[in-house]
Amino acid sequence: MIGEASFYGLYLPWIMVLALAALLALWGVRRLLAATGAYRWVWHPALFDMALYLLLLYALSRASSYLQ
């Protein structure tokens, strides 16, 4: 997972690219959970969202390491 991605000459750390992808995935998952009413069962939504973001980031990082 060590490396960088080049976007038109701008070098970004690979973890930043994964963090942005995890953020986009989090927005979609949050909308889905809010639409289904799953947040009624969550004690602290902010902590839940942070944990969900970290799980998504971990999953993307593991998936990208398999692709290399």
PDB file of N, CA and C in Angstrom:
ATOM      1  N   MET A   1       0.812  -1.186   0.000  1.00  0.00           N
ATOM      2  CA  MET A   1       0.000   0.000   0.000  1.00  0.00           C
ATOM      3  C   MET A   1       0.860   1.257   0.000  1.00  0.00           C
ATOM      4  N   ILE A   2       2.165   1.121   0.031  1.00  0.00           N
ATOM      5  CA  ILE A   2       3.037   2.283  -0.017  1.00  0.00           C
ATOM      6  C   ILE A   2       3.108   2.743  -1.464  1.00  0.00           C
ATOM      7  N   GLY A   3       2.923   4.019  -1.671  1.00  0.00           N
ATOM      8  CA  GLY A   3       3.006   4.548  -3.024  1.00  0.00           C
ATOM      9  C   GLY A   3       2.210   5.819  -3.147  1.00  0.00           C
ATOM     10  N   GLU A   4       2.076   6.232  -4.367  1.00  0.00           N
ATOM     11  CA  GLU A   4       1.331   7.444  -4.630  1.00  0.00           C
ATOM     12  C   GLU A   4       0.599   7.300  -5.955  1.00  0.00           C
ATOM     13  N   ALA A   5      -0.384   8.158  -6.123  1.00  0.00           N
ATOM     14  CA  ALA A   5      -1.164   8.196  -7.349  1.00  0.00           C
ATOM     15  C   ALA A   5      -0.949   9.562  -7.992  1.00  0.00           C
ATOM     16  N   SER A   6      -0.796   9.586  -9.281  1.00  0.00           N
ATOM     17  CA  SER A   6      -0.569  10.836 -10.006  1.00  0.00           C
ATOM     18  C   SER A   6      -1.856  11.245 -10.719  1.00  0.00           C
ATOM     19  N   PHE A   7      -2.331  12.437 -10.396  1.00  0.00           N
ATOM     20  CA  PHE A   7      -3.495  13.013 -11.064  1.00  0.00           C
ATOM     21  C   PHE A   7      -3.057  14.286 -11.764  1.00  0.00           C
ATOM     22  N   TYR A   8      -2.781  14.176 -13.065  1.00  0.00           N
ATOM     23  CA  TYR A   8      -2.346  15.306 -13.884  1.00  0.00           C
ATOM     24  C   TYR A   8      -1.118  15.999 -13.282  1.00  0.00           C
ATOM     25  N   GLY A   9      -0.160  15.226 -12.809  1.00  0.00           N
ATOM     26  CA  GLY A   9       1.064  15.774 -12.265  1.00  0.00           C
ATOM     27  C   GLY A   9       1.034  16.047 -10.772  1.00  0.00           C
ATOM     28  N   LEU A  10      -0.114  15.898 -10.149  1.00  0.00           N
ATOM     29  CA  LEU A  10      -0.227  16.096  -8.700  1.00  0.00           C
ATOM     30  C   LEU A  10      -0.135  14.729  -8.028  1.00  0.00           C
ATOM     31  N   TYR A  11       0.899  14.538  -7.247  1.00  0.00           N
ATOM     32  CA  TYR A  11       1.108  13.255  -6.585  1.00  0.00           C
ATOM     33  C   TYR A  11       0.409  13.255  -5.226  1.00  0.00           C
ATOM     34  N   LEU A  12      -0.468  12.291  -5.039  1.00  0.00           N
ATOM     35  CA  LEU A  12      -1.199  12.138  -3.784  1.00  0.00           C
ATOM     36  C   LEU A  12      -0.829  10.808  -3.145  1.00  0.00           C
ATOM     37  N   PRO A  13      -0.720  10.776  -1.819  1.00  0.00           N
ATOM     38  CA  PRO A  13      -0.482   9.495  -1.164  1.00  0.00           C
ATOM     39  C   PRO A  13      -1.671   8.558  -1.412  1.00  0.00           C
ATOM     40  N   TRP A  14      -1.375   7.290  -1.549  1.00  0.00           N
ATOM     41  CA  TRP A  14      -2.414   6.328  -1.875  1.00  0.00           C
ATOM     42  C   TRP A  14      -3.492   6.277  -0.794  1.00  0.00           C
ATOM     43  N   ILE A  15      -3.119   6.497   0.464  1.00  0.00           N
ATOM     44  CA  ILE A  15      -4.105   6.457   1.549  1.00  0.00           C
ATOM     45  C   ILE A  15      -5.103   7.607   1.418  1.00  0.00           C
ATOM     46  N   MET A  16      -4.677   8.733   0.833  1.00  0.00           N
ATOM     47  CA  MET A  16      -5.603   9.843   0.629  1.00  0.00           C
ATOM     48  C   MET A  16      -6.649   9.493  -0.425  1.00  0.00           C
ATOM     49  N   VAL A  17      -6.236   8.809  -1.460  1.00  0.00           N
ATOM     50  CA  VAL A  17      -7.174   8.369  -2.489  1.00  0.00           C
ATOM     51  C   VAL A  17      -8.179   7.388  -1.890  1.00  0.00           C
ATOM     52  N   LEU A  18      -7.679   6.473  -1.057  1.00  0.00           N
ATOM     53  CA  LEU A  18      -8.570   5.517  -0.402  1.00  0.00           C
ATOM     54  C   LEU A  18      -9.495   6.206   0.590  1.00  0.00           C
ATOM     55  N   ALA A  19      -8.997   7.218   1.291  1.00  0.00           N
ATOM     56  CA  ALA A  19      -9.829   7.942   2.253  1.00  0.00           C
ATOM     57  C   ALA A  19     -10.963   8.680   1.545  1.00  0.00           C
ATOM     58  N   LEU A  20     -10.686   9.256   0.396  1.00  0.00           N
ATOM     59  CA  LEU A  20     -11.745   9.936  -0.364  1.00  0.00           C
ATOM     60  C   LEU A  20     -12.775   8.939  -0.890  1.00  0.00           C
ATOM     61  N   ALA A  21     -12.308   7.773  -1.333  1.00  0.00           N
ATOM     62  CA  ALA A  21     -13.238   6.739  -1.792  1.00  0.00           C
ATOM     63  C   ALA A  21     -14.091   6.222  -0.640  1.00  0.00           C
ATOM     64  N   ALA A  22     -13.495   6.086   0.536  1.00  0.00           N
ATOM     65  CA  ALA A  22     -14.257   5.638   1.703  1.00  0.00           C
ATOM     66  C   ALA A  22     -15.282   6.692   2.112  1.00  0.00           C
ATOM     67  N   LEU A  23     -14.928   7.959   1.968  1.00  0.00           N
ATOM     68  CA  LEU A  23     -15.870   9.028   2.291  1.00  0.00           C
ATOM     69  C   LEU A  23     -17.070   9.004   1.351  1.00  0.00           C
ATOM     70  N   LEU A  24     -16.819   8.798   0.072  1.00  0.00           N
ATOM     71  CA  LEU A  24     -17.922   8.702  -0.887  1.00  0.00           C
ATOM     72  C   LEU A  24     -18.806   7.493  -0.592  1.00  0.00           C
ATOM     73  N   ALA A  25     -18.177   6.375  -0.248  1.00  0.00           N
ATOM     74  CA  ALA A  25     -18.949   5.177   0.104  1.00  0.00           C
ATOM     75  C   ALA A  25     -19.756   5.414   1.379  1.00  0.00           C
ATOM     76  N   LEU A  26     -19.176   6.145   2.338  1.00  0.00           N
ATOM     77  CA  LEU A  26     -19.882   6.436   3.586  1.00  0.00           C
ATOM     78  C   LEU A  26     -21.127   7.269   3.332  1.00  0.00           C
ATOM     79  N   TRP A  27     -21.032   8.244   2.449  1.00  0.00           N
ATOM     80  CA  TRP A  27     -22.209   9.058   2.144  1.00  0.00           C
ATOM     81  C   TRP A  27     -23.336   8.196   1.592  1.00  0.00           C
ATOM     82  N   GLY A  28     -23.001   7.268   0.712  1.00  0.00           N
ATOM     83  CA  GLY A  28     -24.023   6.387   0.159  1.00  0.00           C
ATOM     84  C   GLY A  28     -24.618   5.458   1.204  1.00  0.00           C
ATOM     85  N   VAL A  29     -23.781   4.890   2.057  1.00  0.00           N
ATOM     86  CA  VAL A  29     -24.266   3.978   3.094  1.00  0.00           C
ATOM     87  C   VAL A  29     -25.111   4.731   4.112  1.00  0.00           C
ATOM     88  N   ARG A  30     -24.715   5.945   4.465  1.00  0.00           N
ATOM     89  CA  ARG A  30     -25.508   6.745   5.409  1.00  0.00           C
ATOM     90  C   ARG A  30     -26.890   7.056   4.859  1.00  0.00           C
ATOM     91  N   ARG A  31     -26.947   7.391   3.579  1.00  0.00           N
ATOM     92  CA  ARG A  31     -28.258   7.673   2.967  1.00  0.00           C
ATOM     93  C   ARG A  31     -29.138   6.432   2.971  1.00  0.00           C
ATOM     94  N   LEU A  32     -28.528   5.286   2.696  1.00  0.00           N
ATOM     95  CA  LEU A  32     -29.267   4.030   2.707  1.00  0.00           C
ATOM     96  C   LEU A  32     -29.764   3.698   4.113  1.00  0.00           C
ATOM     97  N   LEU A  33     -28.909   3.867   5.113  1.00  0.00           N
ATOM     98  CA  LEU A  33     -29.312   3.586   6.489  1.00  0.00           C
ATOM     99  C   LEU A  33     -30.384   4.557   6.977  1.00  0.00           C
ATOM    100  N   ALA A  34     -30.280   5.814   6.589  1.00  0.00           N
ATOM    101  CA  ALA A  34     -31.287   6.802   6.984  1.00  0.00           C
ATOM    102  C   ALA A  34     -32.624   6.518   6.315  1.00  0.00           C
ATOM    103  N   ALA A  35     -32.588   6.069   5.075  1.00  0.00           N
ATOM    104  CA  ALA A  35     -33.833   5.776   4.355  1.00  0.00           C
ATOM    105  C   ALA A  35     -34.545   4.555   4.928  1.00  0.00           C
ATOM    106  N   THR A  36     -33.778   3.595   5.423  1.00  0.00           N
ATOM    107  CA  THR A  36     -34.400   2.392   5.981  1.00  0.00           C
ATOM    108  C   THR A  36     -34.774   2.550   7.448  1.00  0.00           C
ATOM    109  N   GLY A  37     -34.346   3.647   8.076  1.00  0.00           N
ATOM    110  CA  GLY A  37     -34.674   3.874   9.476  1.00  0.00           C
ATOM    111  C   GLY A  37     -33.770   3.138  10.448  1.00  0.00           C
ATOM    112  N   ALA A  38     -32.599   2.741  10.006  1.00  0.00           N
ATOM    113  CA  ALA A  38     -31.683   1.988  10.867  1.00  0.00           C
ATOM    114  C   ALA A  38     -31.066   2.869  11.945  1.00  0.00           C
ATOM    115  N   TYR A  39     -31.061   4.173  11.761  1.00  0.00           N
ATOM    116  CA  TYR A  39     -30.474   5.060  12.757  1.00  0.00           C
ATOM    117  C   TYR A  39     -31.319   5.159  14.025  1.00  0.00           C
ATOM    118  N   ARG A  40     -32.537   4.666  13.997  1.00  0.00           N
ATOM    119  CA  ARG A  40     -33.342   4.642  15.220  1.00  0.00           C
ATOM    120  C   ARG A  40     -32.750   3.691  16.246  1.00  0.00           C
ATOM    121  N   TRP A  41     -31.994   2.702  15.797  1.00  0.00           N
ATOM    122  CA  TRP A  41     -31.423   1.693  16.682  1.00  0.00           C
ATOM    123  C   TRP A  41     -29.996   2.021  17.114  1.00  0.00           C
ATOM    124  N   VAL A  42     -29.477   3.145  16.654  1.00  0.00           N
ATOM    125  CA  VAL A  42     -28.094   3.532  16.951  1.00  0.00           C
ATOM    126  C   VAL A  42     -28.098   4.483  18.135  1.00  0.00           C
ATOM    127  N   TRP A  43     -27.236   4.188  19.126  1.00  0.00           N
ATOM    128  CA  TRP A  43     -27.193   5.002  20.339  1.00  0.00           C
ATOM    129  C   TRP A  43     -26.551   6.359  20.077  1.00  0.00           C
ATOM    130  N   HIS A  44     -25.412   6.377  19.409  1.00  0.00           N
ATOM    131  CA  HIS A  44     -24.684   7.615  19.150  1.00  0.00           C
ATOM    132  C   HIS A  44     -24.321   7.652  17.667  1.00  0.00           C
ATOM    133  N   PRO A  45     -25.119   8.347  16.846  1.00  0.00           N
ATOM    134  CA  PRO A  45     -24.896   8.322  15.392  1.00  0.00           C
ATOM    135  C   PRO A  45     -23.518   8.808  14.951  1.00  0.00           C
ATOM    136  N   ALA A  46     -22.945   9.788  15.623  1.00  0.00           N
ATOM    137  CA  ALA A  46     -21.628  10.293  15.216  1.00  0.00           C
ATOM    138  C   ALA A  46     -20.549   9.231  15.411  1.00  0.00           C
ATOM    139  N   LEU A  47     -20.581   8.531  16.539  1.00  0.00           N
ATOM    140  CA  LEU A  47     -19.612   7.458  16.760  1.00  0.00           C
ATOM    141  C   LEU A  47     -19.837   6.304  15.791  1.00  0.00           C
ATOM    142  N   PHE A  48     -21.088   6.016  15.513  1.00  0.00           N
ATOM    143  CA  PHE A  48     -21.416   4.961  14.563  1.00  0.00           C
ATOM    144  C   PHE A  48     -20.892   5.296  13.178  1.00  0.00           C
ATOM    145  N   ASP A  49     -21.062   6.557  12.761  1.00  0.00           N
ATOM    146  CA  ASP A  49     -20.582   6.988  11.445  1.00  0.00           C
ATOM    147  C   ASP A  49     -19.057   6.926  11.365  1.00  0.00           C
ATOM    148  N   MET A  50     -18.373   7.314  12.452  1.00  0.00           N
ATOM    149  CA  MET A  50     -16.919   7.255  12.447  1.00  0.00           C
ATOM    150  C   MET A  50     -16.439   5.806  12.358  1.00  0.00           C
ATOM    151  N   ALA A  51     -17.070   4.921  13.110  1.00  0.00           N
ATOM    152  CA  ALA A  51     -16.692   3.506  13.062  1.00  0.00           C
ATOM    153  C   ALA A  51     -16.976   2.919  11.686  1.00  0.00           C
ATOM    154  N   LEU A  52     -18.087   3.304  11.088  1.00  0.00           N
ATOM    155  CA  LEU A  52     -18.432   2.829   9.756  1.00  0.00           C
ATOM    156  C   LEU A  52     -17.419   3.326   8.726  1.00  0.00           C
ATOM    157  N   TYR A  53     -16.980   4.575   8.863  1.00  0.00           N
ATOM    158  CA  TYR A  53     -15.963   5.117   7.963  1.00  0.00           C
ATOM    159  C   TYR A  53     -14.653   4.342   8.087  1.00  0.00           C
ATOM    160  N   LEU A  54     -14.246   4.065   9.315  1.00  0.00           N
ATOM    161  CA  LEU A  54     -13.002   3.326   9.511  1.00  0.00           C
ATOM    162  C   LEU A  54     -13.102   1.909   8.959  1.00  0.00           C
ATOM    163  N   LEU A  55     -14.245   1.279   9.103  1.00  0.00           N
ATOM    164  CA  LEU A  55     -14.433  -0.057   8.535  1.00  0.00           C
ATOM    165  C   LEU A  55     -14.380  -0.022   7.009  1.00  0.00           C
ATOM    166  N   LEU A  56     -14.986   0.996   6.407  1.00  0.00           N
ATOM    167  CA  LEU A  56     -14.944   1.126   4.951  1.00  0.00           C
ATOM    168  C   LEU A  56     -13.527   1.401   4.462  1.00  0.00           C
ATOM    169  N   LEU A  57     -12.810   2.258   5.184  1.00  0.00           N
ATOM    170  CA  LEU A  57     -11.422   2.548   4.812  1.00  0.00           C
ATOM    171  C   LEU A  57     -10.561   1.296   4.932  1.00  0.00           C
ATOM    172  N   TYR A  58     -10.758   0.524   5.983  1.00  0.00           N
ATOM    173  CA  TYR A  58     -10.006  -0.717   6.152  1.00  0.00           C
ATOM    174  C   TYR A  58     -10.332  -1.698   5.019  1.00  0.00           C
ATOM    175  N   ALA A  59     -11.606  -1.820   4.679  1.00  0.00           N
ATOM    176  CA  ALA A  59     -12.002  -2.748   3.619  1.00  0.00           C
ATOM    177  C   ALA A  59     -11.405  -2.322   2.273  1.00  0.00           C
ATOM    178  N   LEU A  60     -11.421  -1.036   1.989  1.00  0.00           N
ATOM    179  CA  LEU A  60     -10.835  -0.557   0.730  1.00  0.00           C
ATOM    180  C   LEU A  60      -9.327  -0.755   0.712  1.00  0.00           C
ATOM    181  N   SER A  61      -8.693  -0.552   1.849  1.00  0.00           N
ATOM    182  CA  SER A  61      -7.247  -0.742   1.892  1.00  0.00           C
ATOM    183  C   SER A  61      -6.875  -2.199   1.709  1.00  0.00           C
ATOM    184  N   ARG A  62      -7.640  -3.108   2.307  1.00  0.00           N
ATOM    185  CA  ARG A  62      -7.382  -4.537   2.127  1.00  0.00           C
ATOM    186  C   ARG A  62      -7.657  -4.956   0.672  1.00  0.00           C
ATOM    187  N   ALA A  63      -8.743  -4.423   0.096  1.00  0.00           N
ATOM    188  CA  ALA A  63      -9.068  -4.764  -1.286  1.00  0.00           C
ATOM    189  C   ALA A  63      -8.011  -4.239  -2.244  1.00  0.00           C
ATOM    190  N   SER A  64      -7.467  -3.060  -1.982  1.00  0.00           N
ATOM    191  CA  SER A  64      -6.449  -2.520  -2.885  1.00  0.00           C
ATOM    192  C   SER A  64      -5.130  -3.266  -2.739  1.00  0.00           C
ATOM    193  N   SER A  65      -4.845  -3.808  -1.580  1.00  0.00           N
ATOM    194  CA  SER A  65      -3.600  -4.562  -1.426  1.00  0.00           C
ATOM    195  C   SER A  65      -3.665  -5.904  -2.184  1.00  0.00           C
ATOM    196  N   TYR A  66      -4.868  -6.452  -2.338  1.00  0.00           N
ATOM    197  CA  TYR A  66      -5.008  -7.661  -3.129  1.00  0.00           C
ATOM    198  C   TYR A  66      -4.852  -7.401  -4.615  1.00  0.00           C
ATOM    199  N   LEU A  67      -5.163  -6.189  -5.052  1.00  0.00           N
ATOM    200  CA  LEU A  67      -5.074  -5.846  -6.470  1.00  0.00           C
ATOM    201  C   LEU A  67      -3.636  -5.589  -6.912  1.00  0.00           C
ATOM    202  N   GLN A  68      -2.750  -5.289  -5.991  1.00  0.00           N
ATOM    203  CA  GLN A  68      -1.361  -4.963  -6.369  1.00  0.00           C
ATOM    204  C   GLN A  68      -0.536  -6.182  -6.548  1.00  0.00           C
TER     205      GLN A  68
END
